[in-house]
Amino acid sequence: NNTGKNVELKFVNSLRRQFEFSVDSFQII
């Protein structure tokens, strides 16, 4: 996306660290 609004699709089997800071730790199911 040329405007910086990329669609990022992540496929996770396992990932030890899923956030950096509390404010970006949210996941909406």
Full PDB file with SEQRES, HELIX, SHEET, SSBOND, CRYST1, ORIGX, SCALE, CONECT and MASTER records, all heavy atoms in Angstrom:
SEQRES   1 A   29  ASN ASN THR GLY LYS ASN VAL GLU LEU LYS PHE VAL ASN          
SEQRES   2 A   29  SER LEU ARG ARG GLN PHE GLU PHE SER VAL ASP SER PHE          
SEQRES   3 A   29  GLN ILE ILE                                                  
HELIX    1 AA1 SER A   22  ASP A   24  5                                   3    
CRYST1    1.000    1.000    1.000  90.00  90.00  90.00 P 1           1          
ORIGX1      1.000000  0.000000  0.000000        0.00000                         
ORIGX2      0.000000  1.000000  0.000000        0.00000                         
ORIGX3      0.000000  0.000000  1.000000        0.00000                         
SCALE1      1.000000  0.000000  0.000000        0.00000                         
SCALE2      0.000000  1.000000  0.000000        0.00000                         
SCALE3      0.000000  0.000000  1.000000        0.00000                         
ATOM      1  N   ASN A   1       0.860  -1.174   0.000  1.00  0.00           N  
ATOM      2  CA  ASN A   1       0.000   0.000   0.000  1.00  0.00           C  
ATOM      3  C   ASN A   1       0.897   1.225   0.000  1.00  0.00           C  
ATOM      4  O   ASN A   1       1.714   1.398   0.906  1.00  0.00           O  
ATOM      5  CB  ASN A   1      -0.925  -0.002   1.218  1.00  0.00           C  
ATOM      6  CG  ASN A   1      -1.820   1.225   1.275  1.00  0.00           C  
ATOM      7  OD1 ASN A   1      -1.363   2.300   1.633  1.00  0.00           O  
ATOM      8  ND2 ASN A   1      -3.077   1.051   0.934  1.00  0.00           N  
ATOM      9  N   ASN A   2       0.757   2.069  -1.011  1.00  0.00           N  
ATOM     10  CA  ASN A   2       1.670   3.201  -1.187  1.00  0.00           C  
ATOM     11  C   ASN A   2       1.478   4.311  -0.158  1.00  0.00           C  
ATOM     12  O   ASN A   2       2.277   5.241  -0.093  1.00  0.00           O  
ATOM     13  CB  ASN A   2       1.527   3.778  -2.600  1.00  0.00           C  
ATOM     14  CG  ASN A   2       1.895   2.767  -3.674  1.00  0.00           C  
ATOM     15  OD1 ASN A   2       2.607   1.798  -3.402  1.00  0.00           O  
ATOM     16  ND2 ASN A   2       1.407   2.975  -4.883  1.00  0.00           N  
ATOM     17  N   THR A   3       0.410   4.246   0.624  1.00  0.00           N  
ATOM     18  CA  THR A   3       0.162   5.273   1.631  1.00  0.00           C  
ATOM     19  C   THR A   3       0.582   4.820   3.023  1.00  0.00           C  
ATOM     20  O   THR A   3       0.302   5.495   4.016  1.00  0.00           O  
ATOM     21  CB  THR A   3      -1.331   5.658   1.658  1.00  0.00           C  
ATOM     22  OG1 THR A   3      -2.115   4.528   2.076  1.00  0.00           O  
ATOM     23  CG2 THR A   3      -1.809   6.104   0.289  1.00  0.00           C  
ATOM     24  N   GLY A   4       1.261   3.685   3.116  1.00  0.00           N  
ATOM     25  CA  GLY A   4       1.751   3.206   4.408  1.00  0.00           C  
ATOM     26  C   GLY A   4       0.763   2.370   5.192  1.00  0.00           C  
ATOM     27  O   GLY A   4       1.045   1.931   6.303  1.00  0.00           O  
ATOM     28  N   LYS A   5      -0.424   2.129   4.618  1.00  0.00           N  
ATOM     29  CA  LYS A   5      -1.449   1.354   5.321  1.00  0.00           C  
ATOM     30  C   LYS A   5      -1.415  -0.084   4.813  1.00  0.00           C  
ATOM     31  O   LYS A   5      -2.332  -0.556   4.137  1.00  0.00           O  
ATOM     32  CB  LYS A   5      -2.823   1.983   5.094  1.00  0.00           C  
ATOM     33  CG  LYS A   5      -3.823   1.685   6.192  1.00  0.00           C  
ATOM     34  CD  LYS A   5      -5.044   2.583   6.042  1.00  0.00           C  
ATOM     35  CE  LYS A   5      -5.921   2.500   7.268  1.00  0.00           C  
ATOM     36  NZ  LYS A   5      -7.074   3.426   7.191  1.00  0.00           N  
ATOM     37  N   ASN A   6      -0.347  -0.780   5.140  1.00  0.00           N  
ATOM     38  CA  ASN A   6      -0.171  -2.145   4.658  1.00  0.00           C  
ATOM     39  C   ASN A   6      -1.123  -3.109   5.364  1.00  0.00           C  
ATOM     40  O   ASN A   6      -1.416  -2.956   6.547  1.00  0.00           O  
ATOM     41  CB  ASN A   6       1.259  -2.616   4.882  1.00  0.00           C  
ATOM     42  CG  ASN A   6       2.265  -1.797   4.102  1.00  0.00           C  
ATOM     43  OD1 ASN A   6       1.973  -1.334   3.012  1.00  0.00           O  
ATOM     44  ND2 ASN A   6       3.431  -1.605   4.668  1.00  0.00           N  
ATOM     45  N   VAL A   7      -1.607  -4.083   4.613  1.00  0.00           N  
ATOM     46  CA  VAL A   7      -2.366  -5.180   5.191  1.00  0.00           C  
ATOM     47  C   VAL A   7      -1.361  -6.291   5.498  1.00  0.00           C  
ATOM     48  O   VAL A   7      -0.761  -6.859   4.587  1.00  0.00           O  
ATOM     49  CB  VAL A   7      -3.463  -5.680   4.230  1.00  0.00           C  
ATOM     50  CG1 VAL A   7      -4.183  -6.879   4.835  1.00  0.00           C  
ATOM     51  CG2 VAL A   7      -4.454  -4.563   3.925  1.00  0.00           C  
ATOM     52  N   GLU A   8      -1.165  -6.564   6.787  1.00  0.00           N  
ATOM     53  CA  GLU A   8      -0.173  -7.541   7.197  1.00  0.00           C  
ATOM     54  C   GLU A   8      -0.881  -8.772   7.752  1.00  0.00           C  
ATOM     55  O   GLU A   8      -1.598  -8.693   8.752  1.00  0.00           O  
ATOM     56  CB  GLU A   8       0.777  -6.935   8.240  1.00  0.00           C  
ATOM     57  CG  GLU A   8       1.524  -5.720   7.707  1.00  0.00           C  
ATOM     58  CD  GLU A   8       2.867  -5.510   8.385  1.00  0.00           C  
ATOM     59  OE1 GLU A   8       2.968  -5.843   9.574  1.00  0.00           O  
ATOM     60  OE2 GLU A   8       3.790  -5.014   7.715  1.00  0.00           O  
ATOM     61  N   LEU A   9      -0.674  -9.895   7.090  1.00  0.00           N  
ATOM     62  CA  LEU A   9      -1.285 -11.158   7.480  1.00  0.00           C  
ATOM     63  C   LEU A   9      -0.211 -12.033   8.127  1.00  0.00           C  
ATOM     64  O   LEU A   9       0.762 -12.428   7.477  1.00  0.00           O  
ATOM     65  CB  LEU A   9      -1.882 -11.860   6.257  1.00  0.00           C  
ATOM     66  CG  LEU A   9      -2.834 -11.018   5.395  1.00  0.00           C  
ATOM     67  CD1 LEU A   9      -3.262 -11.799   4.155  1.00  0.00           C  
ATOM     68  CD2 LEU A   9      -4.048 -10.577   6.192  1.00  0.00           C  
ATOM     69  N   LYS A  10      -0.390 -12.320   9.412  1.00  0.00           N  
ATOM     70  CA  LYS A  10       0.597 -13.121  10.148  1.00  0.00           C  
ATOM     71  C   LYS A  10      -0.030 -14.456  10.539  1.00  0.00           C  
ATOM     72  O   LYS A  10      -1.150 -14.497  11.060  1.00  0.00           O  
ATOM     73  CB  LYS A  10       1.067 -12.372  11.400  1.00  0.00           C  
ATOM     74  CG  LYS A  10       2.186 -13.092  12.163  1.00  0.00           C  
ATOM     75  CD  LYS A  10       2.643 -12.294  13.376  1.00  0.00           C  
ATOM     76  CE  LYS A  10       3.519 -11.147  12.964  1.00  0.00           C  
ATOM     77  NZ  LYS A  10       4.115 -10.450  14.149  1.00  0.00           N  
ATOM     78  N   PHE A  11       0.701 -15.526  10.265  1.00  0.00           N  
ATOM     79  CA  PHE A  11       0.219 -16.886  10.528  1.00  0.00           C  
ATOM     80  C   PHE A  11       1.093 -17.482  11.614  1.00  0.00           C  
ATOM     81  O   PHE A  11       2.269 -17.786  11.388  1.00  0.00           O  
ATOM     82  CB  PHE A  11       0.251 -17.703   9.241  1.00  0.00           C  
ATOM     83  CG  PHE A  11      -0.536 -17.046   8.130  1.00  0.00           C  
ATOM     84  CD1 PHE A  11       0.063 -16.119   7.285  1.00  0.00           C  
ATOM     85  CD2 PHE A  11      -1.889 -17.322   7.983  1.00  0.00           C  
ATOM     86  CE1 PHE A  11      -0.666 -15.486   6.281  1.00  0.00           C  
ATOM     87  CE2 PHE A  11      -2.631 -16.686   6.987  1.00  0.00           C  
ATOM     88  CZ  PHE A  11      -2.022 -15.772   6.141  1.00  0.00           C  
ATOM     89  N   VAL A  12       0.516 -17.632  12.813  1.00  0.00           N  
ATOM     90  CA  VAL A  12       1.307 -17.937  13.995  1.00  0.00           C  
ATOM     91  C   VAL A  12       0.994 -19.330  14.527  1.00  0.00           C  
ATOM     92  O   VAL A  12      -0.133 -19.617  14.942  1.00  0.00           O  
ATOM     93  CB  VAL A  12       1.053 -16.892  15.105  1.00  0.00           C  
ATOM     94  CG1 VAL A  12       1.840 -17.260  16.362  1.00  0.00           C  
ATOM     95  CG2 VAL A  12       1.437 -15.500  14.626  1.00  0.00           C  
ATOM     96  N   ASN A  13       2.009 -20.182  14.489  1.00  0.00           N  
ATOM     97  CA  ASN A  13       1.942 -21.468  15.178  1.00  0.00           C  
ATOM     98  C   ASN A  13       2.396 -21.279  16.628  1.00  0.00           C  
ATOM     99  O   ASN A  13       1.749 -21.720  17.560  1.00  0.00           O  
ATOM    100  CB  ASN A  13       2.831 -22.489  14.462  1.00  0.00           C  
ATOM    101  CG  ASN A  13       2.764 -23.864  15.100  1.00  0.00           C  
ATOM    102  OD1 ASN A  13       2.035 -24.729  14.648  1.00  0.00           O  
ATOM    103  ND2 ASN A  13       3.528 -24.090  16.169  1.00  0.00           N  
ATOM    104  N   SER A  14       3.515 -20.591  16.806  1.00  0.00           N  
ATOM    105  CA  SER A  14       4.006 -20.240  18.136  1.00  0.00           C  
ATOM    106  C   SER A  14       4.829 -18.960  18.018  1.00  0.00           C  
ATOM    107  O   SER A  14       5.530 -18.741  17.028  1.00  0.00           O  
ATOM    108  CB  SER A  14       4.858 -21.363  18.729  1.00  0.00           C  
ATOM    109  OG  SER A  14       5.956 -21.661  17.880  1.00  0.00           O  
ATOM    110  N   LEU A  15       4.725 -18.111  19.037  1.00  0.00           N  
ATOM    111  CA  LEU A  15       5.452 -16.848  19.056  1.00  0.00           C  
ATOM    112  C   LEU A  15       5.642 -16.452  20.518  1.00  0.00           C  
ATOM    113  O   LEU A  15       4.672 -16.138  21.217  1.00  0.00           O  
ATOM    114  CB  LEU A  15       4.668 -15.755  18.306  1.00  0.00           C  
ATOM    115  CG  LEU A  15       5.305 -14.371  18.203  1.00  0.00           C  
ATOM    116  CD1 LEU A  15       6.672 -14.452  17.542  1.00  0.00           C  
ATOM    117  CD2 LEU A  15       4.392 -13.429  17.412  1.00  0.00           C  
ATOM    118  N   ARG A  16       6.888 -16.499  20.973  1.00  0.00           N  
ATOM    119  CA  ARG A  16       7.160 -16.294  22.397  1.00  0.00           C  
ATOM    120  C   ARG A  16       6.760 -14.896  22.854  1.00  0.00           C  
ATOM    121  O   ARG A  16       6.158 -14.725  23.904  1.00  0.00           O  
ATOM    122  CB  ARG A  16       8.650 -16.528  22.680  1.00  0.00           C  
ATOM    123  CG  ARG A  16       9.022 -16.317  24.146  1.00  0.00           C  
ATOM    124  CD  ARG A  16      10.453 -16.699  24.439  1.00  0.00           C  
ATOM    125  NE  ARG A  16      11.404 -15.935  23.642  1.00  0.00           N  
ATOM    126  CZ  ARG A  16      12.721 -15.987  23.818  1.00  0.00           C  
ATOM    127  NH1 ARG A  16      13.230 -16.795  24.732  1.00  0.00           N  
ATOM    128  NH2 ARG A  16      13.526 -15.270  23.069  1.00  0.00           N  
ATOM    129  N   ARG A  17       7.077 -13.882  22.049  1.00  0.00           N  
ATOM    130  CA  ARG A  17       6.812 -12.498  22.436  1.00  0.00           C  
ATOM    131  C   ARG A  17       5.866 -11.874  21.421  1.00  0.00           C  
ATOM    132  O   ARG A  17       6.229 -11.647  20.281  1.00  0.00           O  
ATOM    133  CB  ARG A  17       8.120 -11.708  22.468  1.00  0.00           C  
ATOM    134  CG  ARG A  17       7.964 -10.248  22.881  1.00  0.00           C  
ATOM    135  CD  ARG A  17       7.986 -10.089  24.377  1.00  0.00           C  
ATOM    136  NE  ARG A  17       7.804  -8.702  24.784  1.00  0.00           N  
ATOM    137  CZ  ARG A  17       8.008  -8.268  26.026  1.00  0.00           C  
ATOM    138  NH1 ARG A  17       8.408  -9.108  26.960  1.00  0.00           N  
ATOM    139  NH2 ARG A  17       7.810  -7.007  26.337  1.00  0.00           N  
ATOM    140  N   GLN A  18       4.630 -11.576  21.832  1.00  0.00           N  
ATOM    141  CA  GLN A  18       3.627 -11.064  20.910  1.00  0.00           C  
ATOM    142  C   GLN A  18       3.342  -9.578  21.102  1.00  0.00           C  
ATOM    143  O   GLN A  18       2.422  -9.046  20.495  1.00  0.00           O  
ATOM    144  CB  GLN A  18       2.331 -11.861  21.059  1.00  0.00           C  
ATOM    145  CG  GLN A  18       2.478 -13.328  20.704  1.00  0.00           C  
ATOM    146  CD  GLN A  18       1.163 -14.012  20.438  1.00  0.00           C  
ATOM    147  OE1 GLN A  18       0.321 -13.496  19.729  1.00  0.00           O  
ATOM    148  NE2 GLN A  18       0.968 -15.172  21.015  1.00  0.00           N  
ATOM    149  N   PHE A  19       4.120  -8.897  21.947  1.00  0.00           N  
ATOM    150  CA  PHE A  19       3.926  -7.466  22.132  1.00  0.00           C  
ATOM    151  C   PHE A  19       5.230  -6.860  22.624  1.00  0.00           C  
ATOM    152  O   PHE A  19       6.138  -7.567  23.076  1.00  0.00           O  
ATOM    153  CB  PHE A  19       2.816  -7.200  23.160  1.00  0.00           C  
ATOM    154  CG  PHE A  19       3.226  -7.521  24.580  1.00  0.00           C  
ATOM    155  CD1 PHE A  19       3.625  -6.516  25.449  1.00  0.00           C  
ATOM    156  CD2 PHE A  19       3.248  -8.828  25.040  1.00  0.00           C  
ATOM    157  CE1 PHE A  19       4.030  -6.811  26.745  1.00  0.00           C  
ATOM    158  CE2 PHE A  19       3.639  -9.131  26.346  1.00  0.00           C  
ATOM    159  CZ  PHE A  19       4.042  -8.115  27.198  1.00  0.00           C  
ATOM    160  N   GLU A  20       5.337  -5.537  22.494  1.00  0.00           N  
ATOM    161  CA  GLU A  20       6.497  -4.827  23.018  1.00  0.00           C  
ATOM    162  C   GLU A  20       6.124  -4.043  24.276  1.00  0.00           C  
ATOM    163  O   GLU A  20       6.810  -4.103  25.285  1.00  0.00           O  
ATOM    164  CB  GLU A  20       7.068  -3.904  21.940  1.00  0.00           C  
ATOM    165  CG  GLU A  20       7.712  -4.681  20.809  1.00  0.00           C  
ATOM    166  CD  GLU A  20       7.998  -3.847  19.582  1.00  0.00           C  
ATOM    167  OE1 GLU A  20       7.210  -2.932  19.270  1.00  0.00           O  
ATOM    168  OE2 GLU A  20       9.010  -4.122  18.913  1.00  0.00           O  
ATOM    169  N   PHE A  21       5.003  -3.304  24.177  1.00  0.00           N  
ATOM    170  CA  PHE A  21       4.549  -2.501  25.308  1.00  0.00           C  
ATOM    171  C   PHE A  21       3.079  -2.802  25.568  1.00  0.00           C  
ATOM    172  O   PHE A  21       2.366  -3.294  24.691  1.00  0.00           O  
ATOM    173  CB  PHE A  21       4.767  -1.015  25.022  1.00  0.00           C  
ATOM    174  CG  PHE A  21       6.184  -0.702  24.642  1.00  0.00           C  
ATOM    175  CD1 PHE A  21       6.549  -0.533  23.315  1.00  0.00           C  
ATOM    176  CD2 PHE A  21       7.166  -0.617  25.611  1.00  0.00           C  
ATOM    177  CE1 PHE A  21       7.850  -0.274  22.957  1.00  0.00           C  
ATOM    178  CE2 PHE A  21       8.487  -0.362  25.271  1.00  0.00           C  
ATOM    179  CZ  PHE A  21       8.835  -0.194  23.939  1.00  0.00           C  
ATOM    180  N   SER A  22       2.621  -2.487  26.767  1.00  0.00           N  
ATOM    181  CA  SER A  22       1.241  -2.827  27.139  1.00  0.00           C  
ATOM    182  C   SER A  22       0.219  -2.196  26.204  1.00  0.00           C  
ATOM    183  O   SER A  22      -0.816  -2.794  25.918  1.00  0.00           O  
ATOM    184  CB  SER A  22       0.973  -2.386  28.580  1.00  0.00           C  
ATOM    185  OG  SER A  22       1.133  -0.976  28.727  1.00  0.00           O  
ATOM    186  N   VAL A  23       0.523  -1.001  25.688  1.00  0.00           N  
ATOM    187  CA  VAL A  23      -0.462  -0.296  24.850  1.00  0.00           C  
ATOM    188  C   VAL A  23      -0.626  -0.914  23.465  1.00  0.00           C  
ATOM    189  O   VAL A  23      -1.576  -0.592  22.752  1.00  0.00           O  
ATOM    190  CB  VAL A  23      -0.100   1.200  24.712  1.00  0.00           C  
ATOM    191  CG1 VAL A  23      -0.225   1.895  26.061  1.00  0.00           C  
ATOM    192  CG2 VAL A  23       1.312   1.385  24.147  1.00  0.00           C  
ATOM    193  N   ASP A  24       0.315  -1.779  23.067  1.00  0.00           N  
ATOM    194  CA  ASP A  24       0.140  -2.468  21.779  1.00  0.00           C  
ATOM    195  C   ASP A  24       0.015  -3.977  21.976  1.00  0.00           C  
ATOM    196  O   ASP A  24       0.301  -4.769  21.078  1.00  0.00           O  
ATOM    197  CB  ASP A  24       1.280  -2.138  20.803  1.00  0.00           C  
ATOM    198  CG  ASP A  24       2.640  -2.639  21.285  1.00  0.00           C  
ATOM    199  OD1 ASP A  24       2.702  -3.316  22.321  1.00  0.00           O  
ATOM    200  OD2 ASP A  24       3.638  -2.351  20.603  1.00  0.00           O  
ATOM    201  N   SER A  25      -0.444  -4.370  23.162  1.00  0.00           N  
ATOM    202  CA  SER A  25      -0.536  -5.799  23.484  1.00  0.00           C  
ATOM    203  C   SER A  25      -1.919  -6.385  23.225  1.00  0.00           C  
ATOM    204  O   SER A  25      -2.153  -7.564  23.476  1.00  0.00           O  
ATOM    205  CB  SER A  25      -0.186  -6.015  24.965  1.00  0.00           C  
ATOM    206  OG  SER A  25      -1.212  -5.506  25.812  1.00  0.00           O  
ATOM    207  N   PHE A  26      -2.852  -5.574  22.698  1.00  0.00           N  
ATOM    208  CA  PHE A  26      -4.233  -6.027  22.563  1.00  0.00           C  
ATOM    209  C   PHE A  26      -4.456  -6.819  21.277  1.00  0.00           C  
ATOM    210  O   PHE A  26      -3.898  -6.495  20.228  1.00  0.00           O  
ATOM    211  CB  PHE A  26      -5.191  -4.825  22.577  1.00  0.00           C  
ATOM    212  CG  PHE A  26      -5.140  -4.043  23.861  1.00  0.00           C  
ATOM    213  CD1 PHE A  26      -4.477  -2.830  23.916  1.00  0.00           C  
ATOM    214  CD2 PHE A  26      -5.737  -4.525  25.015  1.00  0.00           C  
ATOM    215  CE1 PHE A  26      -4.416  -2.096  25.095  1.00  0.00           C  
ATOM    216  CE2 PHE A  26      -5.684  -3.805  26.202  1.00  0.00           C  
ATOM    217  CZ  PHE A  26      -5.019  -2.587  26.242  1.00  0.00           C  
ATOM    218  N   GLN A  27      -5.273  -7.857  21.402  1.00  0.00           N  
ATOM    219  CA  GLN A  27      -5.724  -8.623  20.245  1.00  0.00           C  
ATOM    220  C   GLN A  27      -7.237  -8.797  20.348  1.00  0.00           C  
ATOM    221  O   GLN A  27      -7.745  -9.216  21.393  1.00  0.00           O  
ATOM    222  CB  GLN A  27      -5.038  -9.991  20.189  1.00  0.00           C  
ATOM    223  CG  GLN A  27      -3.539  -9.909  19.968  1.00  0.00           C  
ATOM    224  CD  GLN A  27      -2.867 -11.272  19.874  1.00  0.00           C  
ATOM    225  OE1 GLN A  27      -3.528 -12.316  19.974  1.00  0.00           O  
ATOM    226  NE2 GLN A  27      -1.560 -11.270  19.665  1.00  0.00           N  
ATOM    227  N   ILE A  28      -7.948  -8.446  19.269  1.00  0.00           N  
ATOM    228  CA  ILE A  28      -9.402  -8.579  19.235  1.00  0.00           C  
ATOM    229  C   ILE A  28      -9.758  -9.808  18.405  1.00  0.00           C  
ATOM    230  O   ILE A  28      -9.382  -9.909  17.231  1.00  0.00           O  
ATOM    231  CB  ILE A  28     -10.063  -7.323  18.622  1.00  0.00           C  
ATOM    232  CG1 ILE A  28      -9.724  -6.093  19.482  1.00  0.00           C  
ATOM    233  CG2 ILE A  28     -11.568  -7.509  18.513  1.00  0.00           C  
ATOM    234  CD1 ILE A  28     -10.208  -4.784  18.890  1.00  0.00           C  
ATOM    235  N   ILE A  29     -10.447 -10.745  19.016  1.00  0.00           N  
ATOM    236  CA  ILE A  29     -10.808 -11.999  18.342  1.00  0.00           C  
ATOM    237  C   ILE A  29     -11.978 -11.722  17.393  1.00  0.00           C  
ATOM    238  O   ILE A  29     -13.037 -11.241  17.808  1.00  0.00           O  
ATOM    239  CB  ILE A  29     -11.169 -13.076  19.374  1.00  0.00           C  
ATOM    240  CG1 ILE A  29      -9.985 -13.278  20.337  1.00  0.00           C  
ATOM    241  CG2 ILE A  29     -11.513 -14.397  18.684  1.00  0.00           C  
ATOM    242  CD1 ILE A  29     -10.298 -14.142  21.542  1.00  0.00           C  
TER     243      ILE A  29                                                      
MASTER        0    0    0    1    0    0    0    6  242    1    0    3          
END                                                                             
